[in-house]
Structures are given as C-alpha cells and as structure tokens.
C-alpha cells in the first residue's frame, strides 16, 4: 500500500476514535488556560456574495483515476465535512442533501448524516437520489464507493488536504467538478487574501524566538492520547503561524505517536495545541496536566494551551484563515 494511503488511513482511524470516544465536559477544574480563554465564534461558513452559475456538463479526472462527467448538481452529497464546507461556501448549500458527521457548521446541521468518520452508508446515500457524490481518497469502505458508482451516480474522489498549499487546489478542484469554476476562482482569491492578511499580522518579534508547539490528539473516554509528528497535518498551520511543530522537530516522522513522558520531554513544547472536544474529553486543562509528561513541559508549567474546534482545525479550506487567526491570537495575544 502506498505510504500516503497508510497515513490517510491512520488519520481516518484517529478521527473515528475521536467521534465515538469524545466526552462532553466543559469543566477545566476551575483553571483557565493562559492562552485561548475566549468565547467560541459562531460555527458558520460564509458563502460567496455572488450567486454561482453552473456550466455543465463538467468532466474531471477523479483522484482514483476514474474519468467522471457531472451533468446535474441539484442534489449533491459531500462525504466529508471539509468537502461540505467548500460546497456551501461556493454558494451551493441549497443543493446539498446530506452530510458527514464532521460537517458541524450551522448551515449543514439539519442535513441527514450518511457517513461517520469515513464509514459510508451506501444505502443511505442512494436513498437520497444524489446527482453527484464527492469523496476523499480516505473515504470508505471501498465496497460502499463501488456500490454508489455501480448505481450510475457520478462520484468524484479528491486527494485529502494536508497543508496550506492544498487549500487553493482543493477549492478549485471541487468548483471545477460542480461546473462553477468562476466561483472557485473567486473563493480561492478571497481565501488566499485572508490567509495572507493573518500572516502579515503575526508579531515581528516571534521571528527571533519561535514558540515550539506540540499538537496533541486527545480522546479521554477512549484512552487515546497521541502526539502529532511530521504527518499529523498540523505542521503547515503551525509554521504559517510563526511557530515550530515540536513533534516534527523532535524527530517524529509518523502522523501520530502515543504520548510518553520521554517523547514530550524531547519535544519540549512552549505551548500545546488541542482540539476543543479533545480538551473537553480529558476534563479541561486540569485533566490535560494529569497526562504523564504534560505538566513537566514548558507548556504545562505555564499552562499555555491553544484550543481550536475539531470541525475546522485541519480542514484546510475556506475557513483556514479563521483557524490561523485563532492560533495566532492564542499564541501571541490579540493581533488587532
């Protein structure tokens, strides 16, 4: 199996654990993290102001090699949260008839769930009579994908986005598939400008002493405690924020590695990045500090924790500027 697919499969497994094993406690033991103690922004996407005009049919090459022609986009089924986010932001939300469980933003919440952590129900998808289905190369099982295709439904697979460099190509690929390339170009330009604006606002002093940030994946009720490495998906975001990925820098070449005191000591993070539900699942910062090795790190001693919503952190899509802005603000204080 190609290495890229093994990495994607591992990340899918982590997501599956996260979505089934997450606690819901908001209690942080009465302690407030030094960074990131701020009310969460509304979980909404921001569609383009211009109405998309589809030019169909559109013929594209799927990431799995299939040549697919899309003739109708009146009933779209995106099988991942990140793809759902792009479709809605392009202005095609009214055409979407289903969602993945990770599509948590407000506009999609009332849609039926047809896939959970990359576990697709082909029967549920087909019952909605979709005119086009969008998937990632991590979407499965393969039998479900084949079943949808065998039913004659146009299904296009996209490579997963793993870094900031993937944001624009992914938006453009989805837009081309749906016959709205002009809207794709507009959204790409908007997204790139917003990301650039956030990067321009990073305090100049951070270039001299870049904070070391460890990305921890936590699911307390499932006893899952992982330290992100080079392939976790967080490196590009941390580096764009003027930080150092402590796991990657310490020599962790995999996507995730079980947390140990030794690994954390070697990573020596100044701050810890976590997903919001992950932090909740260990009962907040107080619970995080009970994980072996965390309290002894510079981040643990300083209680410096950065928390970003699960449903958007690693999407690398139209809302990545917001993720980057939140990361920058929590690391360095408000940049405005």
C-alpha atoms as a PDB file:
ATOM      1  CA  UNK A   1       0.000   0.000   0.000  1.00  0.00           C
ATOM      2  CA  UNK A   2       1.408   3.466  -0.842  1.00  0.00           C
ATOM      3  CA  UNK A   3       2.709   5.404   2.158  1.00  0.00           C
ATOM      4  CA  UNK A   4       0.296   8.284   1.546  1.00  0.00           C
ATOM      5  CA  UNK A   5      -2.663   5.920   1.831  1.00  0.00           C
ATOM      6  CA  UNK A   6      -1.308   4.410   5.025  1.00  0.00           C
ATOM      7  CA  UNK A   7      -1.007   7.879   6.537  1.00  0.00           C
ATOM      8  CA  UNK A   8      -4.508   8.829   5.414  1.00  0.00           C
ATOM      9  CA  UNK A   9      -5.851   5.580   6.809  1.00  0.00           C
ATOM     10  CA  UNK A  10      -4.212   6.199  10.160  1.00  0.00           C
ATOM     11  CA  UNK A  11      -5.676   9.692  10.321  1.00  0.00           C
ATOM     12  CA  UNK A  12      -9.111   8.309   9.443  1.00  0.00           C
ATOM     13  CA  UNK A  13      -8.792   5.843  12.299  1.00  0.00           C
ATOM     14  CA  UNK A  14      -7.881   8.647  14.694  1.00  0.00           C
ATOM     15  CA  UNK A  15     -10.927  10.613  13.583  1.00  0.00           C
ATOM     16  CA  UNK A  16     -13.123   7.562  14.050  1.00  0.00           C
ATOM     17  CA  UNK A  17     -11.906   7.196  17.622  1.00  0.00           C
ATOM     18  CA  UNK A  18     -12.456  10.879  18.211  1.00  0.00           C
ATOM     19  CA  UNK A  19     -16.027  10.941  17.018  1.00  0.00           C
ATOM     20  CA  UNK A  20     -17.068   7.897  19.001  1.00  0.00           C
ATOM     21  CA  UNK A  21     -14.988   8.400  22.130  1.00  0.00           C
ATOM     22  CA  UNK A  22     -15.276  12.057  22.972  1.00  0.00           C
ATOM     23  CA  UNK A  23     -16.544  13.313  26.288  1.00  0.00           C
ATOM     24  CA  UNK A  24     -18.567  16.482  26.608  1.00  0.00           C
ATOM     25  CA  UNK A  25     -17.408  18.031  29.861  1.00  0.00           C
ATOM     26  CA  UNK A  26     -16.777  21.777  29.789  1.00  0.00           C
ATOM     27  CA  UNK A  27     -15.156  21.759  33.212  1.00  0.00           C
ATOM     28  CA  UNK A  28     -11.486  22.726  33.319  1.00  0.00           C
ATOM     29  CA  UNK A  29     -11.218  22.155  37.027  1.00  0.00           C
ATOM     30  CA  UNK A  30     -11.628  25.834  37.768  1.00  0.00           C
ATOM     31  CA  UNK A  31      -8.434  26.660  35.900  1.00  0.00           C
ATOM     32  CA  UNK A  32      -8.203  28.898  32.867  1.00  0.00           C
ATOM     33  CA  UNK A  33      -5.558  28.306  30.189  1.00  0.00           C
ATOM     34  CA  UNK A  34      -3.122  31.175  29.723  1.00  0.00           C
ATOM     35  CA  UNK A  35      -3.971  31.322  26.038  1.00  0.00           C
ATOM     36  CA  UNK A  36      -7.253  30.731  24.281  1.00  0.00           C
ATOM     37  CA  UNK A  37      -9.748  31.541  27.036  1.00  0.00           C
ATOM     38  CA  UNK A  38     -12.277  33.175  24.773  1.00  0.00           C
ATOM     39  CA  UNK A  39     -15.863  32.586  23.688  1.00  0.00           C
ATOM     40  CA  UNK A  40     -16.073  30.422  20.596  1.00  0.00           C
ATOM     41  CA  UNK A  41     -17.031  32.129  17.336  1.00  0.00           C
ATOM     42  CA  UNK A  42     -20.269  31.003  15.657  1.00  0.00           C
ATOM     43  CA  UNK A  43     -19.730  27.773  13.744  1.00  0.00           C
ATOM     44  CA  UNK A  44     -20.898  29.025  10.351  1.00  0.00           C
ATOM     45  CA  UNK A  45     -19.465  29.161   6.847  1.00  0.00           C
ATOM     46  CA  UNK A  46     -19.518  32.375   4.808  1.00  0.00           C
ATOM     47  CA  UNK A  47     -20.862  31.752   1.298  1.00  0.00           C
ATOM     48  CA  UNK A  48     -19.700  33.955  -1.553  1.00  0.00           C
ATOM     49  CA  UNK A  49     -21.787  37.050  -2.157  1.00  0.00           C
ATOM     50  CA  UNK A  50     -22.190  36.253  -5.834  1.00  0.00           C
ATOM     51  CA  UNK A  51     -24.557  33.523  -6.974  1.00  0.00           C
ATOM     52  CA  UNK A  52     -22.749  30.619  -8.674  1.00  0.00           C
ATOM     53  CA  UNK A  53     -23.658  29.891 -12.288  1.00  0.00           C
ATOM     54  CA  UNK A  54     -23.026  26.256 -13.156  1.00  0.00           C
ATOM     55  CA  UNK A  55     -21.695  25.400 -16.608  1.00  0.00           C
ATOM     56  CA  UNK A  56     -22.493  21.733 -17.141  1.00  0.00           C
ATOM     57  CA  UNK A  57     -21.642  19.072 -18.082  1.00  0.00           C
ATOM     58  CA  UNK A  58     -18.247  19.119 -16.376  1.00  0.00           C
ATOM     59  CA  UNK A  59     -15.788  16.283 -16.974  1.00  0.00           C
ATOM     60  CA  UNK A  60     -12.960  15.711 -14.486  1.00  0.00           C
ATOM     61  CA  UNK A  61     -10.486  13.001 -13.539  1.00  0.00           C
ATOM     62  CA  UNK A  62     -11.127  11.592 -10.077  1.00  0.00           C
ATOM     63  CA  UNK A  63      -8.136  11.096  -7.744  1.00  0.00           C
ATOM     64  CA  UNK A  64      -8.629   7.336  -8.065  1.00  0.00           C
ATOM     65  CA  UNK A  65      -8.240   7.508 -11.847  1.00  0.00           C
ATOM     66  CA  UNK A  66     -11.881   7.447 -12.965  1.00  0.00           C
ATOM     67  CA  UNK A  67     -12.997   9.895 -15.654  1.00  0.00           C
ATOM     68  CA  UNK A  68     -16.288  11.352 -14.421  1.00  0.00           C
ATOM     69  CA  UNK A  69     -18.847  13.565 -16.141  1.00  0.00           C
ATOM     70  CA  UNK A  70     -21.167  15.607 -13.931  1.00  0.00           C
ATOM     71  CA  UNK A  71     -24.373  16.694 -15.655  1.00  0.00           C
ATOM     72  CA  UNK A  72     -26.547  17.709 -12.717  1.00  0.00           C
ATOM     73  CA  UNK A  73     -25.653  19.330  -9.377  1.00  0.00           C
ATOM     74  CA  UNK A  74     -29.169  19.695  -7.989  1.00  0.00           C
ATOM     75  CA  UNK A  75     -28.608  17.003  -5.323  1.00  0.00           C
ATOM     76  CA  UNK A  76     -25.032  16.983  -4.016  1.00  0.00           C
ATOM     77  CA  UNK A  77     -23.733  14.584  -1.369  1.00  0.00           C
ATOM     78  CA  UNK A  78     -20.279  15.506   0.036  1.00  0.00           C
ATOM     79  CA  UNK A  79     -18.927  12.607   2.073  1.00  0.00           C
ATOM     80  CA  UNK A  80     -16.563  14.649   4.284  1.00  0.00           C
ATOM     81  CA  UNK A  81     -17.025  17.726   6.415  1.00  0.00           C
ATOM     82  CA  UNK A  82     -14.313  19.649   4.568  1.00  0.00           C
ATOM     83  CA  UNK A  83     -15.912  18.996   1.171  1.00  0.00           C
ATOM     84  CA  UNK A  84     -19.295  20.012   2.563  1.00  0.00           C
ATOM     85  CA  UNK A  85     -17.729  23.248   3.783  1.00  0.00           C
ATOM     86  CA  UNK A  86     -16.360  24.066   0.329  1.00  0.00           C
ATOM     87  CA  UNK A  87     -19.652  23.337  -1.433  1.00  0.00           C
ATOM     88  CA  UNK A  88     -21.609  25.542   0.958  1.00  0.00           C
ATOM     89  CA  UNK A  89     -19.060  28.349   0.722  1.00  0.00           C
ATOM     90  CA  UNK A  90     -19.205  28.253  -3.080  1.00  0.00           C
ATOM     91  CA  UNK A  91     -22.888  29.126  -2.673  1.00  0.00           C
ATOM     92  CA  UNK A  92     -24.310  25.702  -3.481  1.00  0.00           C
ATOM     93  CA  UNK A  93     -25.578  24.864   0.003  1.00  0.00           C
ATOM     94  CA  UNK A  94     -29.192  24.633  -1.130  1.00  0.00           C
ATOM     95  CA  UNK A  95     -28.178  21.785  -3.435  1.00  0.00           C
ATOM     96  CA  UNK A  96     -26.614  19.685  -0.653  1.00  0.00           C
ATOM     97  CA  UNK A  97     -28.844  16.864   0.608  1.00  0.00           C
ATOM     98  CA  UNK A  98     -26.599  15.062   3.139  1.00  0.00           C
ATOM     99  CA  UNK A  99     -23.520  15.439   5.297  1.00  0.00           C
ATOM    100  CA  UNK A 100     -20.723  13.661   7.075  1.00  0.00           C
ATOM    101  CA  UNK A 101     -20.829  13.741  10.874  1.00  0.00           C
ATOM    102  CA  UNK A 102     -17.833  16.121  10.837  1.00  0.00           C
ATOM    103  CA  UNK A 103     -19.817  18.796   8.948  1.00  0.00           C
ATOM    104  CA  UNK A 104     -20.691  20.592  12.179  1.00  0.00           C
ATOM    105  CA  UNK A 105     -21.306  24.135  10.909  1.00  0.00           C
ATOM    106  CA  UNK A 106     -24.777  25.594  11.410  1.00  0.00           C
ATOM    107  CA  UNK A 107     -25.970  25.616   7.801  1.00  0.00           C
ATOM    108  CA  UNK A 108     -25.432  21.848   7.475  1.00  0.00           C
ATOM    109  CA  UNK A 109     -26.653  20.637  10.865  1.00  0.00           C
ATOM    110  CA  UNK A 110     -30.177  19.694   9.782  1.00  0.00           C
ATOM    111  CA  UNK A 111     -28.987  17.513   6.898  1.00  0.00           C
ATOM    112  CA  UNK A 112     -29.124  13.711   7.300  1.00  0.00           C
ATOM    113  CA  UNK A 113     -25.822  12.047   8.235  1.00  0.00           C
ATOM    114  CA  UNK A 114     -24.748   9.428   5.695  1.00  0.00           C
ATOM    115  CA  UNK A 115     -21.148   8.880   6.743  1.00  0.00           C
ATOM    116  CA  UNK A 116     -19.413   8.752  10.111  1.00  0.00           C
ATOM    117  CA  UNK A 117     -15.653   9.179  10.270  1.00  0.00           C
ATOM    118  CA  UNK A 118     -15.195   7.903   6.720  1.00  0.00           C
ATOM    119  CA  UNK A 119     -17.585   4.987   7.225  1.00  0.00           C
ATOM    120  CA  UNK A 120     -20.081   5.492   4.396  1.00  0.00           C
ATOM    121  CA  UNK A 121     -23.559   4.014   4.269  1.00  0.00           C
ATOM    122  CA  UNK A 122     -24.104   3.412   0.545  1.00  0.00           C
ATOM    123  CA  UNK A 123     -27.761   2.623   1.114  1.00  0.00           C
ATOM    124  CA  UNK A 124     -28.322   5.937   2.895  1.00  0.00           C
ATOM    125  CA  UNK A 125     -26.545   7.843   0.137  1.00  0.00           C
ATOM    126  CA  UNK A 126     -28.504   6.160  -2.663  1.00  0.00           C
ATOM    127  CA  UNK A 127     -31.826   6.644  -0.854  1.00  0.00           C
ATOM    128  CA  UNK A 128     -31.352  10.408  -1.245  1.00  0.00           C
ATOM    129  CA  UNK A 129     -31.138  10.080  -5.045  1.00  0.00           C
ATOM    130  CA  UNK A 130     -27.973  12.171  -5.424  1.00  0.00           C
ATOM    131  CA  UNK A 131     -26.952  13.586  -8.784  1.00  0.00           C
ATOM    132  CA  UNK A 132     -23.281  13.772  -7.755  1.00  0.00           C
ATOM    133  CA  UNK A 133     -21.256  12.436  -4.819  1.00  0.00           C
ATOM    134  CA  UNK A 134     -17.964  13.944  -3.605  1.00  0.00           C
ATOM    135  CA  UNK A 135     -15.465  11.874  -1.602  1.00  0.00           C
ATOM    136  CA  UNK A 136     -11.880  11.850  -0.320  1.00  0.00           C
ATOM    137  CA  UNK A 137      -9.358   9.115  -1.016  1.00  0.00           C
ATOM    138  CA  UNK A 138      -9.727   8.236   2.692  1.00  0.00           C
ATOM    139  CA  UNK A 139     -13.486   7.700   2.313  1.00  0.00           C
ATOM    140  CA  UNK A 140     -14.616   4.118   2.595  1.00  0.00           C
ATOM    141  CA  UNK A 141     -15.210   1.283   2.750  1.00  0.00           C
ATOM    142  CA  UNK A 142     -14.249   0.639  -0.871  1.00  0.00           C
ATOM    143  CA  UNK A 143     -17.337  -1.551  -1.281  1.00  0.00           C
ATOM    144  CA  UNK A 144     -19.588   1.414  -0.487  1.00  0.00           C
ATOM    145  CA  UNK A 145     -17.851   3.596  -3.058  1.00  0.00           C
ATOM    146  CA  UNK A 146     -18.165   0.850  -5.663  1.00  0.00           C
ATOM    147  CA  UNK A 147     -21.841   0.363  -4.813  1.00  0.00           C
ATOM    148  CA  UNK A 148     -22.570   4.061  -5.386  1.00  0.00           C
ATOM    149  CA  UNK A 149     -20.698   4.051  -8.689  1.00  0.00           C
ATOM    150  CA  UNK A 150     -22.360   0.830  -9.808  1.00  0.00           C
ATOM    151  CA  UNK A 151     -25.712   2.558  -9.293  1.00  0.00           C
ATOM    152  CA  UNK A 152     -24.707   5.013 -12.009  1.00  0.00           C
ATOM    153  CA  UNK A 153     -24.110   8.006  -9.717  1.00  0.00           C
ATOM    154  CA  UNK A 154     -21.215  10.292 -10.742  1.00  0.00           C
ATOM    155  CA  UNK A 155     -18.716  10.039  -7.868  1.00  0.00           C
ATOM    156  CA  UNK A 156     -15.543  12.128  -7.752  1.00  0.00           C
ATOM    157  CA  UNK A 157     -12.695  11.415  -5.326  1.00  0.00           C
ATOM    158  CA  UNK A 158     -10.332  14.176  -4.173  1.00  0.00           C
ATOM    159  CA  UNK A 159      -6.943  13.942  -2.510  1.00  0.00           C
ATOM    160  CA  UNK A 160      -7.158  14.983   1.143  1.00  0.00           C
ATOM    161  CA  UNK A 161      -5.866  18.438   2.073  1.00  0.00           C
ATOM    162  CA  UNK A 162      -2.879  18.137   4.418  1.00  0.00           C
ATOM    163  CA  UNK A 163      -1.333  21.606   4.315  1.00  0.00           C
ATOM    164  CA  UNK A 164      -1.883  25.252   3.439  1.00  0.00           C
ATOM    165  CA  UNK A 165      -0.523  24.551  -0.041  1.00  0.00           C
ATOM    166  CA  UNK A 166      -3.540  22.276  -0.639  1.00  0.00           C
ATOM    167  CA  UNK A 167      -6.205  24.913   0.128  1.00  0.00           C
ATOM    168  CA  UNK A 168      -6.439  26.620  -3.281  1.00  0.00           C
ATOM    169  CA  UNK A 169      -6.054  23.496  -5.480  1.00  0.00           C
ATOM    170  CA  UNK A 170      -8.762  21.715  -3.478  1.00  0.00           C
ATOM    171  CA  UNK A 171     -11.254  24.586  -3.734  1.00  0.00           C
ATOM    172  CA  UNK A 172     -10.577  24.855  -7.465  1.00  0.00           C
ATOM    173  CA  UNK A 173     -10.945  21.097  -7.986  1.00  0.00           C
ATOM    174  CA  UNK A 174     -14.334  20.986  -6.243  1.00  0.00           C
ATOM    175  CA  UNK A 175     -15.538  24.060  -8.131  1.00  0.00           C
ATOM    176  CA  UNK A 176     -14.479  22.568 -11.466  1.00  0.00           C
ATOM    177  CA  UNK A 177     -16.300  19.319 -10.667  1.00  0.00           C
ATOM    178  CA  UNK A 178     -19.506  21.223  -9.952  1.00  0.00           C
ATOM    179  CA  UNK A 179     -19.184  23.437 -13.029  1.00  0.00           C
ATOM    180  CA  UNK A 180     -18.637  26.668 -11.091  1.00  0.00           C
ATOM    181  CA  UNK A 181     -15.008  27.461 -11.912  1.00  0.00           C
ATOM    182  CA  UNK A 182     -15.578  31.230 -11.767  1.00  0.00           C
ATOM    183  CA  UNK A 183     -16.912  30.931  -8.238  1.00  0.00           C
ATOM    184  CA  UNK A 184     -13.965  28.687  -7.410  1.00  0.00           C
ATOM    185  CA  UNK A 185     -11.532  31.343  -8.611  1.00  0.00           C
ATOM    186  CA  UNK A 186     -13.355  33.974  -6.554  1.00  0.00           C
ATOM    187  CA  UNK A 187     -13.327  31.846  -3.417  1.00  0.00           C
ATOM    188  CA  UNK A 188      -9.680  30.931  -3.922  1.00  0.00           C
ATOM    189  CA  UNK A 189      -8.719  34.593  -4.210  1.00  0.00           C
ATOM    190  CA  UNK A 190     -10.734  35.522  -1.116  1.00  0.00           C
ATOM    191  CA  UNK A 191      -9.255  32.689   0.927  1.00  0.00           C
ATOM    192  CA  UNK A 192      -5.667  33.410  -0.133  1.00  0.00           C
ATOM    193  CA  UNK A 193      -6.056  37.111   0.663  1.00  0.00           C
ATOM    194  CA  UNK A 194      -7.463  36.386   4.105  1.00  0.00           C
ATOM    195  CA  UNK A 195      -4.716  33.886   4.950  1.00  0.00           C
ATOM    196  CA  UNK A 196      -2.083  36.379   3.769  1.00  0.00           C
ATOM    197  CA  UNK A 197      -3.609  39.110   5.933  1.00  0.00           C
ATOM    198  CA  UNK A 198      -3.392  36.925   9.023  1.00  0.00           C
ATOM    199  CA  UNK A 199       0.226  36.020   8.280  1.00  0.00           C
ATOM    200  CA  UNK A 200       1.083  39.684   7.808  1.00  0.00           C
ATOM    201  CA  UNK A 201      -0.327  40.384  11.270  1.00  0.00           C
ATOM    202  CA  UNK A 202       1.959  37.956  13.122  1.00  0.00           C
ATOM    203  CA  UNK A 203       4.066  39.930  15.628  1.00  0.00           C
ATOM    204  CA  UNK A 204       7.526  40.608  14.214  1.00  0.00           C
ATOM    205  CA  UNK A 205       9.276  39.589  17.421  1.00  0.00           C
ATOM    206  CA  UNK A 206       8.235  35.964  17.006  1.00  0.00           C
ATOM    207  CA  UNK A 207      10.709  35.533  14.161  1.00  0.00           C
ATOM    208  CA  UNK A 208      13.557  35.691  16.649  1.00  0.00           C
ATOM    209  CA  UNK A 209      12.123  33.208  19.143  1.00  0.00           C
ATOM    210  CA  UNK A 210       9.596  30.910  17.532  1.00  0.00           C
ATOM    211  CA  UNK A 211       7.386  29.104  20.054  1.00  0.00           C
ATOM    212  CA  UNK A 212       7.547  25.319  19.986  1.00  0.00           C
ATOM    213  CA  UNK A 213       4.010  23.914  19.779  1.00  0.00           C
ATOM    214  CA  UNK A 214       3.024  20.273  20.239  1.00  0.00           C
ATOM    215  CA  UNK A 215      -0.208  19.058  18.633  1.00  0.00           C
ATOM    216  CA  UNK A 216      -1.881  16.561  20.959  1.00  0.00           C
ATOM    217  CA  UNK A 217      -4.827  14.423  19.888  1.00  0.00           C
ATOM    218  CA  UNK A 218      -6.882  13.523  22.947  1.00  0.00           C
ATOM    219  CA  UNK A 219      -9.935  11.338  23.471  1.00  0.00           C
ATOM    220  CA  UNK A 220     -10.176  10.681  27.181  1.00  0.00           C
ATOM    221  CA  UNK A 221     -13.110   8.260  27.237  1.00  0.00           C
ATOM    222  CA  UNK A 222     -11.325   6.076  24.678  1.00  0.00           C
ATOM    223  CA  UNK A 223      -7.950   6.466  26.433  1.00  0.00           C
ATOM    224  CA  UNK A 224      -6.437   7.871  23.241  1.00  0.00           C
ATOM    225  CA  UNK A 225      -3.527  10.248  23.861  1.00  0.00           C
ATOM    226  CA  UNK A 226      -1.391  10.967  20.812  1.00  0.00           C
ATOM    227  CA  UNK A 227       1.438  13.343  19.931  1.00  0.00           C
ATOM    228  CA  UNK A 228       1.445  14.697  16.388  1.00  0.00           C
ATOM    229  CA  UNK A 229       4.511  14.218  14.207  1.00  0.00           C
ATOM    230  CA  UNK A 230       5.559  15.331  10.753  1.00  0.00           C
ATOM    231  CA  UNK A 231       2.489  13.893   9.003  1.00  0.00           C
ATOM    232  CA  UNK A 232      -0.183  14.902  11.540  1.00  0.00           C
ATOM    233  CA  UNK A 233      -1.497  17.667   9.283  1.00  0.00           C
ATOM    234  CA  UNK A 234      -0.790  20.420  11.806  1.00  0.00           C
ATOM    235  CA  UNK A 235       2.796  21.273  10.787  1.00  0.00           C
ATOM    236  CA  UNK A 236       1.890  23.600   7.922  1.00  0.00           C
ATOM    237  CA  UNK A 237      -0.555  25.534  10.091  1.00  0.00           C
ATOM    238  CA  UNK A 238       1.901  25.907  12.978  1.00  0.00           C
ATOM    239  CA  UNK A 239       4.701  27.028  10.686  1.00  0.00           C
ATOM    240  CA  UNK A 240       2.406  29.575   8.999  1.00  0.00           C
ATOM    241  CA  UNK A 241       1.678  30.956  12.474  1.00  0.00           C
ATOM    242  CA  UNK A 242       5.387  31.520  13.038  1.00  0.00           C
ATOM    243  CA  UNK A 243       5.739  28.534  15.343  1.00  0.00           C
ATOM    244  CA  UNK A 244       7.743  25.306  15.307  1.00  0.00           C
ATOM    245  CA  UNK A 245       5.972  21.931  15.244  1.00  0.00           C
ATOM    246  CA  UNK A 246       7.590  20.459  18.352  1.00  0.00           C
ATOM    247  CA  UNK A 247       6.672  16.863  17.472  1.00  0.00           C
ATOM    248  CA  UNK A 248       8.070  17.122  13.962  1.00  0.00           C
ATOM    249  CA  UNK A 249      11.174  18.990  15.174  1.00  0.00           C
ATOM    250  CA  UNK A 250      11.868  16.305  17.788  1.00  0.00           C
ATOM    251  CA  UNK A 251      12.145  13.697  15.046  1.00  0.00           C
ATOM    252  CA  UNK A 252       8.680  12.124  14.977  1.00  0.00           C
ATOM    253  CA  UNK A 253       8.229  11.098  11.344  1.00  0.00           C
ATOM    254  CA  UNK A 254       4.829   9.405  11.634  1.00  0.00           C
ATOM    255  CA  UNK A 255       1.444  11.090  11.777  1.00  0.00           C
ATOM    256  CA  UNK A 256       0.787  10.285  15.446  1.00  0.00           C
ATOM    257  CA  UNK A 257       2.691   8.564  18.247  1.00  0.00           C
ATOM    258  CA  UNK A 258       1.433   7.531  21.673  1.00  0.00           C
ATOM    259  CA  UNK A 259       2.240  10.192  24.269  1.00  0.00           C
ATOM    260  CA  UNK A 260       5.050   9.290  26.636  1.00  0.00           C
ATOM    261  CA  UNK A 261       6.944  11.383  29.170  1.00  0.00           C
ATOM    262  CA  UNK A 262      10.108  10.822  27.158  1.00  0.00           C
ATOM    263  CA  UNK A 263       8.552  11.960  23.863  1.00  0.00           C
ATOM    264  CA  UNK A 264       7.133  15.093  25.462  1.00  0.00           C
ATOM    265  CA  UNK A 265      10.418  15.897  27.174  1.00  0.00           C
ATOM    266  CA  UNK A 266      12.204  15.662  23.835  1.00  0.00           C
ATOM    267  CA  UNK A 267       9.575  17.796  22.099  1.00  0.00           C
ATOM    268  CA  UNK A 268       9.750  20.378  24.936  1.00  0.00           C
ATOM    269  CA  UNK A 269       6.759  22.423  23.742  1.00  0.00           C
ATOM    270  CA  UNK A 270       6.225  26.021  24.838  1.00  0.00           C
ATOM    271  CA  UNK A 271       2.537  25.613  24.018  1.00  0.00           C
ATOM    272  CA  UNK A 272       0.142  22.740  23.365  1.00  0.00           C
ATOM    273  CA  UNK A 273      -2.417  22.702  20.525  1.00  0.00           C
ATOM    274  CA  UNK A 274      -5.518  20.590  21.030  1.00  0.00           C
ATOM    275  CA  UNK A 275      -8.952  20.195  19.509  1.00  0.00           C
ATOM    276  CA  UNK A 276     -11.745  21.627  21.655  1.00  0.00           C
ATOM    277  CA  UNK A 277     -13.610  18.336  22.125  1.00  0.00           C
ATOM    278  CA  UNK A 278     -10.333  16.614  22.878  1.00  0.00           C
ATOM    279  CA  UNK A 279      -9.661  19.055  25.693  1.00  0.00           C
ATOM    280  CA  UNK A 280     -13.214  18.591  26.951  1.00  0.00           C
ATOM    281  CA  UNK A 281     -12.766  14.818  26.908  1.00  0.00           C
ATOM    282  CA  UNK A 282      -9.955  14.985  29.476  1.00  0.00           C
ATOM    283  CA  UNK A 283     -11.863  17.470  31.672  1.00  0.00           C
ATOM    284  CA  UNK A 284     -10.084  20.590  30.505  1.00  0.00           C
ATOM    285  CA  UNK A 285      -6.639  21.915  31.281  1.00  0.00           C
ATOM    286  CA  UNK A 286      -6.577  20.344  34.744  1.00  0.00           C
ATOM    287  CA  UNK A 287      -7.131  16.910  33.185  1.00  0.00           C
ATOM    288  CA  UNK A 288      -4.632  17.576  30.410  1.00  0.00           C
ATOM    289  CA  UNK A 289      -1.942  18.230  33.010  1.00  0.00           C
ATOM    290  CA  UNK A 290      -2.591  14.790  34.524  1.00  0.00           C
ATOM    291  CA  UNK A 291      -1.465  13.037  31.338  1.00  0.00           C
ATOM    292  CA  UNK A 292       2.049  11.705  32.061  1.00  0.00           C
ATOM    293  CA  UNK A 293       4.734  14.169  30.999  1.00  0.00           C
ATOM    294  CA  UNK A 294       2.483  17.116  30.137  1.00  0.00           C
ATOM    295  CA  UNK A 295       2.804  19.030  33.414  1.00  0.00           C
ATOM    296  CA  UNK A 296       6.613  18.881  33.212  1.00  0.00           C
ATOM    297  CA  UNK A 297       6.846  20.536  29.781  1.00  0.00           C
ATOM    298  CA  UNK A 298       7.358  24.311  29.474  1.00  0.00           C
ATOM    299  CA  UNK A 299       3.774  24.463  28.138  1.00  0.00           C
ATOM    300  CA  UNK A 300       2.451  22.539  31.118  1.00  0.00           C
ATOM    301  CA  UNK A 301       4.370  24.622  33.637  1.00  0.00           C
ATOM    302  CA  UNK A 302       2.991  27.785  32.028  1.00  0.00           C
ATOM    303  CA  UNK A 303      -0.487  26.271  31.385  1.00  0.00           C
ATOM    304  CA  UNK A 304      -0.212  27.503  27.807  1.00  0.00           C
ATOM    305  CA  UNK A 305      -2.893  25.676  25.842  1.00  0.00           C
ATOM    306  CA  UNK A 306      -4.352  26.575  22.442  1.00  0.00           C
ATOM    307  CA  UNK A 307      -7.759  25.069  21.657  1.00  0.00           C
ATOM    308  CA  UNK A 308      -9.456  25.103  18.230  1.00  0.00           C
ATOM    309  CA  UNK A 309     -12.725  23.477  17.129  1.00  0.00           C
ATOM    310  CA  UNK A 310     -12.443  19.899  15.868  1.00  0.00           C
ATOM    311  CA  UNK A 311     -14.651  20.508  12.837  1.00  0.00           C
ATOM    312  CA  UNK A 312     -12.379  23.126  11.295  1.00  0.00           C
ATOM    313  CA  UNK A 313      -8.814  22.797  12.619  1.00  0.00           C
ATOM    314  CA  UNK A 314      -7.379  20.562   9.880  1.00  0.00           C
ATOM    315  CA  UNK A 315      -9.901  21.165   7.090  1.00  0.00           C
ATOM    316  CA  UNK A 316      -7.547  23.356   5.036  1.00  0.00           C
ATOM    317  CA  UNK A 317     -10.380  25.086   3.233  1.00  0.00           C
ATOM    318  CA  UNK A 318     -12.332  28.368   3.103  1.00  0.00           C
ATOM    319  CA  UNK A 319     -12.206  28.860   6.879  1.00  0.00           C
ATOM    320  CA  UNK A 320      -8.493  28.186   7.334  1.00  0.00           C
ATOM    321  CA  UNK A 321      -7.830  31.903   7.726  1.00  0.00           C
ATOM    322  CA  UNK A 322     -10.051  31.835  10.840  1.00  0.00           C
ATOM    323  CA  UNK A 323      -8.154  28.838  12.197  1.00  0.00           C
ATOM    324  CA  UNK A 324      -4.829  30.557  11.593  1.00  0.00           C
ATOM    325  CA  UNK A 325      -6.094  33.804  13.148  1.00  0.00           C
ATOM    326  CA  UNK A 326      -7.292  31.976  16.265  1.00  0.00           C
ATOM    327  CA  UNK A 327      -3.984  30.129  16.524  1.00  0.00           C
ATOM    328  CA  UNK A 328      -2.004  33.367  16.191  1.00  0.00           C
ATOM    329  CA  UNK A 329      -4.165  35.220  18.721  1.00  0.00           C
ATOM    330  CA  UNK A 330      -3.949  32.440  21.281  1.00  0.00           C
ATOM    331  CA  UNK A 331      -0.180  32.106  20.866  1.00  0.00           C
ATOM    332  CA  UNK A 332       0.727  35.778  20.903  1.00  0.00           C
ATOM    333  CA  UNK A 333      -2.331  37.688  22.145  1.00  0.00           C
ATOM    334  CA  UNK A 334      -4.838  39.640  20.038  1.00  0.00           C
ATOM    335  CA  UNK A 335      -3.170  40.787  16.818  1.00  0.00           C
ATOM    336  CA  UNK A 336      -5.633  43.570  16.110  1.00  0.00           C
END
